[in-house]
Amino acid sequence: MNAPLGAIAGARSGDKGGDANLGVWVRSDEAFAWLREYLTVERLKELLPEAGEVDRYELPNLRALNFVLHGLLGEGVASSTRFDPQAKALGEWLRSRVVDIPEALL
């Protein structure tokens, strides 16, 4: 079913110098199994086209994924011309993206 990713996932994001840090988590093992397969680096780049080089880290005990978007903020907060220079809204931007979620998870 097409729904915002935020229908099943939480997210938190912020800046780490010129890089953005984006954590995404879900509440059940079933949802994490889907998230782990669905939200690859390639898919993240489709959902957030402004992302350049991205590293993904799995945190299965937290049912979470963490992404580092390298260079998204240029030289850092003080020099960034982005609307969201600290990447605080990046997680909500990802959660707003409409994706195909299995109905059993909704």
PDB file of N, CA and C in Angstrom:
ATOM      1  N   MET A   1       0.843  -1.169   0.000  1.00  0.00           N
ATOM      2  CA  MET A   1       0.000   0.000   0.000  1.00  0.00           C
ATOM      3  C   MET A   1       0.892   1.236   0.000  1.00  0.00           C
ATOM      4  N   ASN A   2       0.556   2.226  -0.806  1.00  0.00           N
ATOM      5  CA  ASN A   2       1.311   3.475  -0.816  1.00  0.00           C
ATOM      6  C   ASN A   2       0.961   4.298   0.415  1.00  0.00           C
ATOM      7  N   ALA A   3       1.969   4.634   1.182  1.00  0.00           N
ATOM      8  CA  ALA A   3       1.794   5.419   2.400  1.00  0.00           C
ATOM      9  C   ALA A   3       3.111   6.106   2.722  1.00  0.00           C
ATOM     10  N   PRO A   4       3.062   7.187   3.507  1.00  0.00           N
ATOM     11  CA  PRO A   4       4.323   7.812   3.924  1.00  0.00           C
ATOM     12  C   PRO A   4       5.139   6.827   4.765  1.00  0.00           C
ATOM     13  N   LEU A   5       6.432   6.821   4.573  1.00  0.00           N
ATOM     14  CA  LEU A   5       7.311   5.961   5.362  1.00  0.00           C
ATOM     15  C   LEU A   5       7.081   6.196   6.856  1.00  0.00           C
ATOM     16  N   GLY A   6       6.754   7.421   7.217  1.00  0.00           N
ATOM     17  CA  GLY A   6       6.501   7.764   8.612  1.00  0.00           C
ATOM     18  C   GLY A   6       5.297   7.070   9.222  1.00  0.00           C
ATOM     19  N   ALA A   7       4.484   6.396   8.402  1.00  0.00           N
ATOM     20  CA  ALA A   7       3.360   5.639   8.949  1.00  0.00           C
ATOM     21  C   ALA A   7       3.850   4.482   9.813  1.00  0.00           C
ATOM     22  N   ILE A   8       5.067   3.992   9.541  1.00  0.00           N
ATOM     23  CA  ILE A   8       5.599   2.887  10.357  1.00  0.00           C
ATOM     24  C   ILE A   8       6.981   3.173  10.939  1.00  0.00           C
ATOM     25  N   ALA A   9       7.614   4.264  10.523  1.00  0.00           N
ATOM     26  CA  ALA A   9       9.000   4.511  10.947  1.00  0.00           C
ATOM     27  C   ALA A   9       9.156   5.861  11.627  1.00  0.00           C
ATOM     28  N   GLY A  10       9.993   5.887  12.627  1.00  0.00           N
ATOM     29  CA  GLY A  10      10.412   7.134  13.241  1.00  0.00           C
ATOM     30  C   GLY A  10      11.765   7.520  12.662  1.00  0.00           C
ATOM     31  N   ALA A  11      12.155   8.766  12.849  1.00  0.00           N
ATOM     32  CA  ALA A  11      13.453   9.215  12.334  1.00  0.00           C
ATOM     33  C   ALA A  11      13.964  10.382  13.169  1.00  0.00           C
ATOM     34  N   ARG A  12      15.263  10.500  13.200  1.00  0.00           N
ATOM     35  CA  ARG A  12      15.921  11.646  13.855  1.00  0.00           C
ATOM     36  C   ARG A  12      17.163  11.957  13.046  1.00  0.00           C
ATOM     37  N   SER A  13      17.425  13.232  12.884  1.00  0.00           N
ATOM     38  CA  SER A  13      18.566  13.616  12.065  1.00  0.00           C
ATOM     39  C   SER A  13      19.244  14.844  12.643  1.00  0.00           C
ATOM     40  N   GLY A  14      20.453  15.093  12.158  1.00  0.00           N
ATOM     41  CA  GLY A  14      21.201  16.255  12.602  1.00  0.00           C
ATOM     42  C   GLY A  14      22.513  16.356  11.861  1.00  0.00           C
ATOM     43  N   ASP A  15      23.298  17.345  12.241  1.00  0.00           N
ATOM     44  CA  ASP A  15      24.555  17.609  11.544  1.00  0.00           C
ATOM     45  C   ASP A  15      25.737  17.058  12.314  1.00  0.00           C
ATOM     46  N   LYS A  16      26.716  16.654  11.562  1.00  0.00           N
ATOM     47  CA  LYS A  16      28.019  16.235  12.084  1.00  0.00           C
ATOM     48  C   LYS A  16      29.050  16.927  11.204  1.00  0.00           C
ATOM     49  N   GLY A  17      29.285  18.202  11.470  1.00  0.00           N
ATOM     50  CA  GLY A  17      30.149  18.996  10.597  1.00  0.00           C
ATOM     51  C   GLY A  17      29.454  19.184   9.263  1.00  0.00           C
ATOM     52  N   GLY A  18      30.101  18.809   8.176  1.00  0.00           N
ATOM     53  CA  GLY A  18      29.494  18.919   6.855  1.00  0.00           C
ATOM     54  C   GLY A  18      28.635  17.728   6.485  1.00  0.00           C
ATOM     55  N   ASP A  19      28.617  16.704   7.349  1.00  0.00           N
ATOM     56  CA  ASP A  19      27.840  15.507   7.089  1.00  0.00           C
ATOM     57  C   ASP A  19      26.513  15.564   7.839  1.00  0.00           C
ATOM     58  N   ALA A  20      25.518  14.864   7.307  1.00  0.00           N
ATOM     59  CA  ALA A  20      24.242  14.724   8.003  1.00  0.00           C
ATOM     60  C   ALA A  20      24.139  13.293   8.507  1.00  0.00           C
ATOM     61  N   ASN A  21      23.560  13.150   9.672  1.00  0.00           N
ATOM     62  CA  ASN A  21      23.347  11.856  10.297  1.00  0.00           C
ATOM     63  C   ASN A  21      21.841  11.625  10.347  1.00  0.00           C
ATOM     64  N   LEU A  22      21.379  10.451   9.883  1.00  0.00           N
ATOM     65  CA  LEU A  22      19.948  10.169   9.789  1.00  0.00           C
ATOM     66  C   LEU A  22      19.659   8.776  10.331  1.00  0.00           C
ATOM     67  N   GLY A  23      18.935   8.708  11.437  1.00  0.00           N
ATOM     68  CA  GLY A  23      18.544   7.439  12.020  1.00  0.00           C
ATOM     69  C   GLY A  23      17.088   7.157  11.726  1.00  0.00           C
ATOM     70  N   VAL A  24      16.770   5.905  11.383  1.00  0.00           N
ATOM     71  CA  VAL A  24      15.407   5.480  11.075  1.00  0.00           C
ATOM     72  C   VAL A  24      15.141   4.208  11.867  1.00  0.00           C
ATOM     73  N   TRP A  25      13.991   4.138  12.562  1.00  0.00           N
ATOM     74  CA  TRP A  25      13.684   2.965  13.347  1.00  0.00           C
ATOM     75  C   TRP A  25      12.208   2.598  13.228  1.00  0.00           C
ATOM     76  N   VAL A  26      11.922   1.344  13.568  1.00  0.00           N
ATOM     77  CA  VAL A  26      10.559   0.824  13.559  1.00  0.00           C
ATOM     78  C   VAL A  26      10.307   0.087  14.872  1.00  0.00           C
ATOM     79  N   ARG A  27       9.062  -0.316  15.118  1.00  0.00           N
ATOM     80  CA  ARG A  27       8.692  -0.867  16.418  1.00  0.00           C
ATOM     81  C   ARG A  27       8.606  -2.388  16.497  1.00  0.00           C
ATOM     82  N   SER A  28       8.632  -3.083  15.368  1.00  0.00           N
ATOM     83  CA  SER A  28       8.487  -4.540  15.427  1.00  0.00           C
ATOM     84  C   SER A  28       9.582  -5.228  14.624  1.00  0.00           C
ATOM     85  N   ASP A  29       9.816  -6.482  14.957  1.00  0.00           N
ATOM     86  CA  ASP A  29      10.799  -7.265  14.222  1.00  0.00           C
ATOM     87  C   ASP A  29      10.387  -7.434  12.765  1.00  0.00           C
ATOM     88  N   GLU A  30       9.080  -7.592  12.525  1.00  0.00           N
ATOM     89  CA  GLU A  30       8.584  -7.743  11.157  1.00  0.00           C
ATOM     90  C   GLU A  30       8.839  -6.470  10.348  1.00  0.00           C
ATOM     91  N   ALA A  31       8.580  -5.337  10.958  1.00  0.00           N
ATOM     92  CA  ALA A  31       8.810  -4.058  10.273  1.00  0.00           C
ATOM     93  C   ALA A  31      10.302  -3.853  10.026  1.00  0.00           C
ATOM     94  N   PHE A  32      11.153  -4.282  10.970  1.00  0.00           N
ATOM     95  CA  PHE A  32      12.592  -4.126  10.769  1.00  0.00           C
ATOM     96  C   PHE A  32      13.087  -5.019   9.638  1.00  0.00           C
ATOM     97  N   ALA A  33      12.554  -6.232   9.551  1.00  0.00           N
ATOM     98  CA  ALA A  33      12.947  -7.115   8.443  1.00  0.00           C
ATOM     99  C   ALA A  33      12.628  -6.445   7.108  1.00  0.00           C
ATOM    100  N   TRP A  34      11.469  -5.801   7.015  1.00  0.00           N
ATOM    101  CA  TRP A  34      11.107  -5.090   5.783  1.00  0.00           C
ATOM    102  C   TRP A  34      12.014  -3.873   5.580  1.00  0.00           C
ATOM    103  N   LEU A  35      12.195  -3.063   6.620  1.00  0.00           N
ATOM    104  CA  LEU A  35      13.006  -1.847   6.518  1.00  0.00           C
ATOM    105  C   LEU A  35      14.430  -2.175   6.103  1.00  0.00           C
ATOM    106  N   ARG A  36      15.000  -3.195   6.698  1.00  0.00           N
ATOM    107  CA  ARG A  36      16.373  -3.603   6.408  1.00  0.00           C
ATOM    108  C   ARG A  36      16.546  -3.941   4.926  1.00  0.00           C
ATOM    109  N   GLU A  37      15.566  -4.612   4.346  1.00  0.00           N
ATOM    110  CA  GLU A  37      15.634  -4.965   2.926  1.00  0.00           C
ATOM    111  C   GLU A  37      15.269  -3.786   2.017  1.00  0.00           C
ATOM    112  N   TYR A  38      14.309  -2.992   2.443  1.00  0.00           N
ATOM    113  CA  TYR A  38      13.784  -1.925   1.591  1.00  0.00           C
ATOM    114  C   TYR A  38      14.691  -0.696   1.541  1.00  0.00           C
ATOM    115  N   LEU A  39      15.113  -0.224   2.699  1.00  0.00           N
ATOM    116  CA  LEU A  39      15.812   1.068   2.763  1.00  0.00           C
ATOM    117  C   LEU A  39      17.314   0.886   2.594  1.00  0.00           C
ATOM    118  N   THR A  40      17.700   0.571   1.375  1.00  0.00           N
ATOM    119  CA  THR A  40      19.106   0.445   1.014  1.00  0.00           C
ATOM    120  C   THR A  40      19.681   1.838   0.769  1.00  0.00           C
ATOM    121  N   VAL A  41      20.970   1.920   0.580  1.00  0.00           N
ATOM    122  CA  VAL A  41      21.600   3.193   0.225  1.00  0.00           C
ATOM    123  C   VAL A  41      21.013   3.705  -1.090  1.00  0.00           C
ATOM    124  N   GLU A  42      20.839   2.802  -2.044  1.00  0.00           N
ATOM    125  CA  GLU A  42      20.299   3.204  -3.354  1.00  0.00           C
ATOM    126  C   GLU A  42      18.892   3.762  -3.216  1.00  0.00           C
ATOM    127  N   ARG A  43      18.049   3.101  -2.391  1.00  0.00           N
ATOM    128  CA  ARG A  43      16.669   3.575  -2.206  1.00  0.00           C
ATOM    129  C   ARG A  43      16.664   4.916  -1.479  1.00  0.00           C
ATOM    130  N   LEU A  44      17.530   5.082  -0.491  1.00  0.00           N
ATOM    131  CA  LEU A  44      17.607   6.358   0.209  1.00  0.00           C
ATOM    132  C   LEU A  44      17.929   7.473  -0.777  1.00  0.00           C
ATOM    133  N   LYS A  45      18.837   7.209  -1.714  1.00  0.00           N
ATOM    134  CA  LYS A  45      19.206   8.212  -2.712  1.00  0.00           C
ATOM    135  C   LYS A  45      18.048   8.503  -3.662  1.00  0.00           C
ATOM    136  N   GLU A  46      17.178   7.522  -3.903  1.00  0.00           N
ATOM    137  CA  GLU A  46      15.985   7.772  -4.712  1.00  0.00           C
ATOM    138  C   GLU A  46      15.006   8.666  -3.953  1.00  0.00           C
ATOM    139  N   LEU A  47      14.867   8.399  -2.656  1.00  0.00           N
ATOM    140  CA  LEU A  47      13.924   9.164  -1.834  1.00  0.00           C
ATOM    141  C   LEU A  47      14.446  10.549  -1.477  1.00  0.00           C
ATOM    142  N   LEU A  48      15.754  10.674  -1.357  1.00  0.00           N
ATOM    143  CA  LEU A  48      16.410  11.951  -1.034  1.00  0.00           C
ATOM    144  C   LEU A  48      17.465  12.221  -2.106  1.00  0.00           C
ATOM    145  N   PRO A  49      17.049  12.724  -3.267  1.00  0.00           N
ATOM    146  CA  PRO A  49      17.986  12.882  -4.385  1.00  0.00           C
ATOM    147  C   PRO A  49      19.184  13.784  -4.096  1.00  0.00           C
ATOM    148  N   GLU A  50      19.082  14.627  -3.091  1.00  0.00           N
ATOM    149  CA  GLU A  50      20.199  15.517  -2.758  1.00  0.00           C
ATOM    150  C   GLU A  50      21.339  14.785  -2.049  1.00  0.00           C
ATOM    151  N   ALA A  51      21.085  13.549  -1.632  1.00  0.00           N
ATOM    152  CA  ALA A  51      22.122  12.769  -0.945  1.00  0.00           C
ATOM    153  C   ALA A  51      23.232  12.421  -1.921  1.00  0.00           C
ATOM    154  N   GLY A  52      24.446  12.588  -1.499  1.00  0.00           N
ATOM    155  CA  GLY A  52      25.602  12.222  -2.318  1.00  0.00           C
ATOM    156  C   GLY A  52      26.137  10.879  -1.855  1.00  0.00           C
ATOM    157  N   GLU A  53      27.345  10.889  -1.316  1.00  0.00           N
ATOM    158  CA  GLU A  53      27.928   9.656  -0.785  1.00  0.00           C
ATOM    159  C   GLU A  53      27.244   9.319   0.540  1.00  0.00           C
ATOM    160  N   VAL A  54      26.806   8.066   0.671  1.00  0.00           N
ATOM    161  CA  VAL A  54      26.050   7.639   1.852  1.00  0.00           C
ATOM    162  C   VAL A  54      26.625   6.336   2.389  1.00  0.00           C
ATOM    163  N   ASP A  55      26.781   6.269   3.705  1.00  0.00           N
ATOM    164  CA  ASP A  55      27.117   5.021   4.391  1.00  0.00           C
ATOM    165  C   ASP A  55      25.910   4.601   5.216  1.00  0.00           C
ATOM    166  N   ARG A  56      25.653   3.290   5.284  1.00  0.00           N
ATOM    167  CA  ARG A  56      24.530   2.750   6.056  1.00  0.00           C
ATOM    168  C   ARG A  56      25.061   1.812   7.128  1.00  0.00           C
ATOM    169  N   TYR A  57      24.496   1.934   8.322  1.00  0.00           N
ATOM    170  CA  TYR A  57      24.857   1.080   9.447  1.00  0.00           C
ATOM    171  C   TYR A  57      23.583   0.469  10.013  1.00  0.00           C
ATOM    172  N   GLU A  58      23.612  -0.840  10.259  1.00  0.00           N
ATOM    173  CA  GLU A  58      22.461  -1.528  10.829  1.00  0.00           C
ATOM    174  C   GLU A  58      22.622  -1.633  12.342  1.00  0.00           C
ATOM    175  N   LEU A  59      21.528  -1.383  13.050  1.00  0.00           N
ATOM    176  CA  LEU A  59      21.485  -1.504  14.505  1.00  0.00           C
ATOM    177  C   LEU A  59      20.300  -2.423  14.853  1.00  0.00           C
ATOM    178  N   PRO A  60      20.447  -3.729  14.613  1.00  0.00           N
ATOM    179  CA  PRO A  60      19.303  -4.641  14.750  1.00  0.00           C
ATOM    180  C   PRO A  60      18.703  -4.693  16.150  1.00  0.00           C
ATOM    181  N   ASN A  61      19.509  -4.538  17.188  1.00  0.00           N
ATOM    182  CA  ASN A  61      18.969  -4.571  18.551  1.00  0.00           C
ATOM    183  C   ASN A  61      18.040  -3.392  18.820  1.00  0.00           C
ATOM    184  N   LEU A  62      18.186  -2.330  18.038  1.00  0.00           N
ATOM    185  CA  LEU A  62      17.316  -1.158  18.160  1.00  0.00           C
ATOM    186  C   LEU A  62      16.256  -1.120  17.069  1.00  0.00           C
ATOM    187  N   ARG A  63      16.285  -2.125  16.182  1.00  0.00           N
ATOM    188  CA  ARG A  63      15.414  -2.145  14.990  1.00  0.00           C
ATOM    189  C   ARG A  63      15.592  -0.855  14.202  1.00  0.00           C
ATOM    190  N   ALA A  64      16.847  -0.495  13.977  1.00  0.00           N
ATOM    191  CA  ALA A  64      17.150   0.801  13.375  1.00  0.00           C
ATOM    192  C   ALA A  64      18.243   0.708  12.320  1.00  0.00           C
ATOM    193  N   LEU A  65      18.223   1.699  11.442  1.00  0.00           N
ATOM    194  CA  LEU A  65      19.283   1.923  10.464  1.00  0.00           C
ATOM    195  C   LEU A  65      19.809   3.326  10.695  1.00  0.00           C
ATOM    196  N   ASN A  66      21.101   3.510  10.517  1.00  0.00           N
ATOM    197  CA  ASN A  66      21.687   4.840  10.604  1.00  0.00           C
ATOM    198  C   ASN A  66      22.414   5.119   9.291  1.00  0.00           C
ATOM    199  N   PHE A  67      22.190   6.293   8.752  1.00  0.00           N
ATOM    200  CA  PHE A  67      22.826   6.708   7.510  1.00  0.00           C
ATOM    201  C   PHE A  67      23.665   7.948   7.771  1.00  0.00           C
ATOM    202  N   VAL A  68      24.841   7.991   7.170  1.00  0.00           N
ATOM    203  CA  VAL A  68      25.672   9.196   7.182  1.00  0.00           C
ATOM    204  C   VAL A  68      25.719   9.691   5.749  1.00  0.00           C
ATOM    205  N   LEU A  69      25.223  10.909   5.536  1.00  0.00           N
ATOM    206  CA  LEU A  69      25.206  11.539   4.216  1.00  0.00           C
ATOM    207  C   LEU A  69      26.384  12.498   4.169  1.00  0.00           C
ATOM    208  N   HIS A  70      27.455  12.067   3.544  1.00  0.00           N
ATOM    209  CA  HIS A  70      28.710  12.817   3.537  1.00  0.00           C
ATOM    210  C   HIS A  70      28.597  14.069   2.666  1.00  0.00           C
ATOM    211  N   GLY A  71      29.031  15.192   3.244  1.00  0.00           N
ATOM    212  CA  GLY A  71      29.118  16.437   2.498  1.00  0.00           C
ATOM    213  C   GLY A  71      27.806  17.128   2.201  1.00  0.00           C
ATOM    214  N   LEU A  72      26.685  16.622   2.704  1.00  0.00           N
ATOM    215  CA  LEU A  72      25.385  17.223   2.414  1.00  0.00           C
ATOM    216  C   LEU A  72      25.325  18.682   2.856  1.00  0.00           C
ATOM    217  N   LEU A  73      26.025  19.005   3.933  1.00  0.00           N
ATOM    218  CA  LEU A  73      25.978  20.359   4.485  1.00  0.00           C
ATOM    219  C   LEU A  73      27.203  21.191   4.115  1.00  0.00           C
ATOM    220  N   GLY A  74      27.901  20.786   3.066  1.00  0.00           N
ATOM    221  CA  GLY A  74      29.076  21.541   2.618  1.00  0.00           C
ATOM    222  C   GLY A  74      30.162  21.518   3.670  1.00  0.00           C
ATOM    223  N   GLU A  75      30.614  22.694   4.052  1.00  0.00           N
ATOM    224  CA  GLU A  75      31.683  22.801   5.056  1.00  0.00           C
ATOM    225  C   GLU A  75      31.136  22.869   6.476  1.00  0.00           C
ATOM    226  N   GLY A  76      29.849  22.694   6.639  1.00  0.00           N
ATOM    227  CA  GLY A  76      29.243  22.709   7.967  1.00  0.00           C
ATOM    228  C   GLY A  76      28.142  23.732   8.068  1.00  0.00           C
ATOM    229  N   VAL A  77      27.522  23.785   9.232  1.00  0.00           N
ATOM    230  CA  VAL A  77      26.342  24.617   9.465  1.00  0.00           C
ATOM    231  C   VAL A  77      26.570  26.078   9.090  1.00  0.00           C
ATOM    232  N   ALA A  78      27.672  26.649   9.505  1.00  0.00           N
ATOM    233  CA  ALA A  78      27.910  28.075   9.283  1.00  0.00           C
ATOM    234  C   ALA A  78      28.069  28.429   7.812  1.00  0.00           C
ATOM    235  N   SER A  79      28.480  27.482   6.988  1.00  0.00           N
ATOM    236  CA  SER A  79      28.699  27.786   5.575  1.00  0.00           C
ATOM    237  C   SER A  79      27.624  27.216   4.658  1.00  0.00           C
ATOM    238  N   SER A  80      26.678  26.457   5.209  1.00  0.00           N
ATOM    239  CA  SER A  80      25.676  25.798   4.374  1.00  0.00           C
ATOM    240  C   SER A  80      24.621  26.787   3.893  1.00  0.00           C
ATOM    241  N   THR A  81      24.243  26.656   2.644  1.00  0.00           N
ATOM    242  CA  THR A  81      23.178  27.500   2.090  1.00  0.00           C
ATOM    243  C   THR A  81      21.853  26.740   2.012  1.00  0.00           C
ATOM    244  N   ARG A  82      21.816  25.527   2.559  1.00  0.00           N
ATOM    245  CA  ARG A  82      20.586  24.736   2.553  1.00  0.00           C
ATOM    246  C   ARG A  82      19.515  25.397   3.408  1.00  0.00           C
ATOM    247  N   PHE A  83      18.263  25.146   3.057  1.00  0.00           N
ATOM    248  CA  PHE A  83      17.129  25.631   3.844  1.00  0.00           C
ATOM    249  C   PHE A  83      17.201  25.084   5.271  1.00  0.00           C
ATOM    250  N   ASP A  84      17.701  23.865   5.414  1.00  0.00           N
ATOM    251  CA  ASP A  84      17.814  23.172   6.695  1.00  0.00           C
ATOM    252  C   ASP A  84      19.302  22.927   6.977  1.00  0.00           C
ATOM    253  N   PRO A  85      20.058  23.967   7.335  1.00  0.00           N
ATOM    254  CA  PRO A  85      21.514  23.844   7.418  1.00  0.00           C
ATOM    255  C   PRO A  85      22.013  22.883   8.491  1.00  0.00           C
ATOM    256  N   GLN A  86      21.195  22.534   9.473  1.00  0.00           N
ATOM    257  CA  GLN A  86      21.620  21.588  10.507  1.00  0.00           C
ATOM    258  C   GLN A  86      21.055  20.196  10.270  1.00  0.00           C
ATOM    259  N   ALA A  87      20.329  20.008   9.174  1.00  0.00           N
ATOM    260  CA  ALA A  87      19.726  18.721   8.799  1.00  0.00           C
ATOM    261  C   ALA A  87      18.735  18.215   9.842  1.00  0.00           C
ATOM    262  N   LYS A  88      18.184  19.110  10.650  1.00  0.00           N
ATOM    263  CA  LYS A  88      17.232  18.700  11.683  1.00  0.00           C
ATOM    264  C   LYS A  88      15.924  18.191  11.083  1.00  0.00           C
ATOM    265  N   ALA A  89      15.538  18.676   9.905  1.00  0.00           N
ATOM    266  CA  ALA A  89      14.281  18.265   9.274  1.00  0.00           C
ATOM    267  C   ALA A  89      14.462  17.111   8.293  1.00  0.00           C
ATOM    268  N   LEU A  90      15.693  16.653   8.096  1.00  0.00           N
ATOM    269  CA  LEU A  90      15.961  15.607   7.117  1.00  0.00           C
ATOM    270  C   LEU A  90      15.187  14.321   7.431  1.00  0.00           C
ATOM    271  N   GLY A  91      15.108  13.953   8.691  1.00  0.00           N
ATOM    272  CA  GLY A  91      14.366  12.758   9.079  1.00  0.00           C
ATOM    273  C   GLY A  91      12.886  12.877   8.753  1.00  0.00           C
ATOM    274  N   GLU A  92      12.316  14.035   9.014  1.00  0.00           N
ATOM    275  CA  GLU A  92      10.892  14.233   8.697  1.00  0.00           C
ATOM    276  C   GLU A  92      10.665  14.289   7.194  1.00  0.00           C
ATOM    277  N   TRP A  93      11.629  14.821   6.457  1.00  0.00           N
ATOM    278  CA  TRP A  93      11.537  14.832   4.994  1.00  0.00           C
ATOM    279  C   TRP A  93      11.503  13.397   4.479  1.00  0.00           C
ATOM    280  N   LEU A  94      12.359  12.526   5.022  1.00  0.00           N
ATOM    281  CA  LEU A  94      12.343  11.125   4.627  1.00  0.00           C
ATOM    282  C   LEU A  94      11.023  10.468   5.024  1.00  0.00           C
ATOM    283  N   ARG A  95      10.548  10.725   6.230  1.00  0.00           N
ATOM    284  CA  ARG A  95       9.293  10.128   6.702  1.00  0.00           C
ATOM    285  C   ARG A  95       8.097  10.550   5.851  1.00  0.00           C
ATOM    286  N   SER A  96       8.181  11.696   5.202  1.00  0.00           N
ATOM    287  CA  SER A  96       7.069  12.177   4.375  1.00  0.00           C
ATOM    288  C   SER A  96       7.017  11.512   3.007  1.00  0.00           C
ATOM    289  N   ARG A  97       8.076  10.848   2.615  1.00  0.00           N
ATOM    290  CA  ARG A  97       8.147  10.234   1.291  1.00  0.00           C
ATOM    291  C   ARG A  97       7.184   9.051   1.215  1.00  0.00           C
ATOM    292  N   VAL A  98       6.368   9.023   0.182  1.00  0.00           N
ATOM    293  CA  VAL A  98       5.394   7.944  -0.012  1.00  0.00           C
ATOM    294  C   VAL A  98       6.101   6.747  -0.646  1.00  0.00           C
ATOM    295  N   VAL A  99       5.955   5.595   0.015  1.00  0.00           N
ATOM    296  CA  VAL A  99       6.596   4.355  -0.431  1.00  0.00           C
ATOM    297  C   VAL A  99       5.565   3.230  -0.405  1.00  0.00           C
ATOM    298  N   ASP A 100       5.924   2.089  -0.964  1.00  0.00           N
ATOM    299  CA  ASP A 100       5.052   0.921  -0.984  1.00  0.00           C
ATOM    300  C   ASP A 100       5.340   0.079   0.256  1.00  0.00           C
ATOM    301  N   ILE A 101       4.433   0.103   1.229  1.00  0.00           N
ATOM    302  CA  ILE A 101       4.592  -0.602   2.495  1.00  0.00           C
ATOM    303  C   ILE A 101       3.626  -1.783   2.526  1.00  0.00           C
ATOM    304  N   PRO A 102       4.083  -2.956   2.931  1.00  0.00           N
ATOM    305  CA  PRO A 102       3.162  -4.095   3.052  1.00  0.00           C
ATOM    306  C   PRO A 102       2.001  -3.752   3.988  1.00  0.00           C
ATOM    307  N   GLU A 103       0.788  -4.080   3.582  1.00  0.00           N
ATOM    308  CA  GLU A 103      -0.395  -3.753   4.388  1.00  0.00           C
ATOM    309  C   GLU A 103      -0.323  -4.347   5.784  1.00  0.00           C
ATOM    310  N   ALA A 104       0.284  -5.519   5.928  1.00  0.00           N
ATOM    311  CA  ALA A 104       0.375  -6.176   7.229  1.00  0.00           C
ATOM    312  C   ALA A 104       1.152  -5.332   8.243  1.00  0.00           C
ATOM    313  N   LEU A 105       1.983  -4.420   7.778  1.00  0.00           N
ATOM    314  CA  LEU A 105       2.784  -3.579   8.673  1.00  0.00           C
ATOM    315  C   LEU A 105       2.069  -2.294   9.074  1.00  0.00           C
ATOM    316  N   LEU A 106       1.012  -1.967   8.363  1.00  0.00           N
ATOM    317  CA  LEU A 106       0.300  -0.708   8.642  1.00  0.00           C
ATOM    318  C   LEU A 106      -0.767  -0.872   9.698  1.00  0.00           C
TER     319      LEU A 106
END
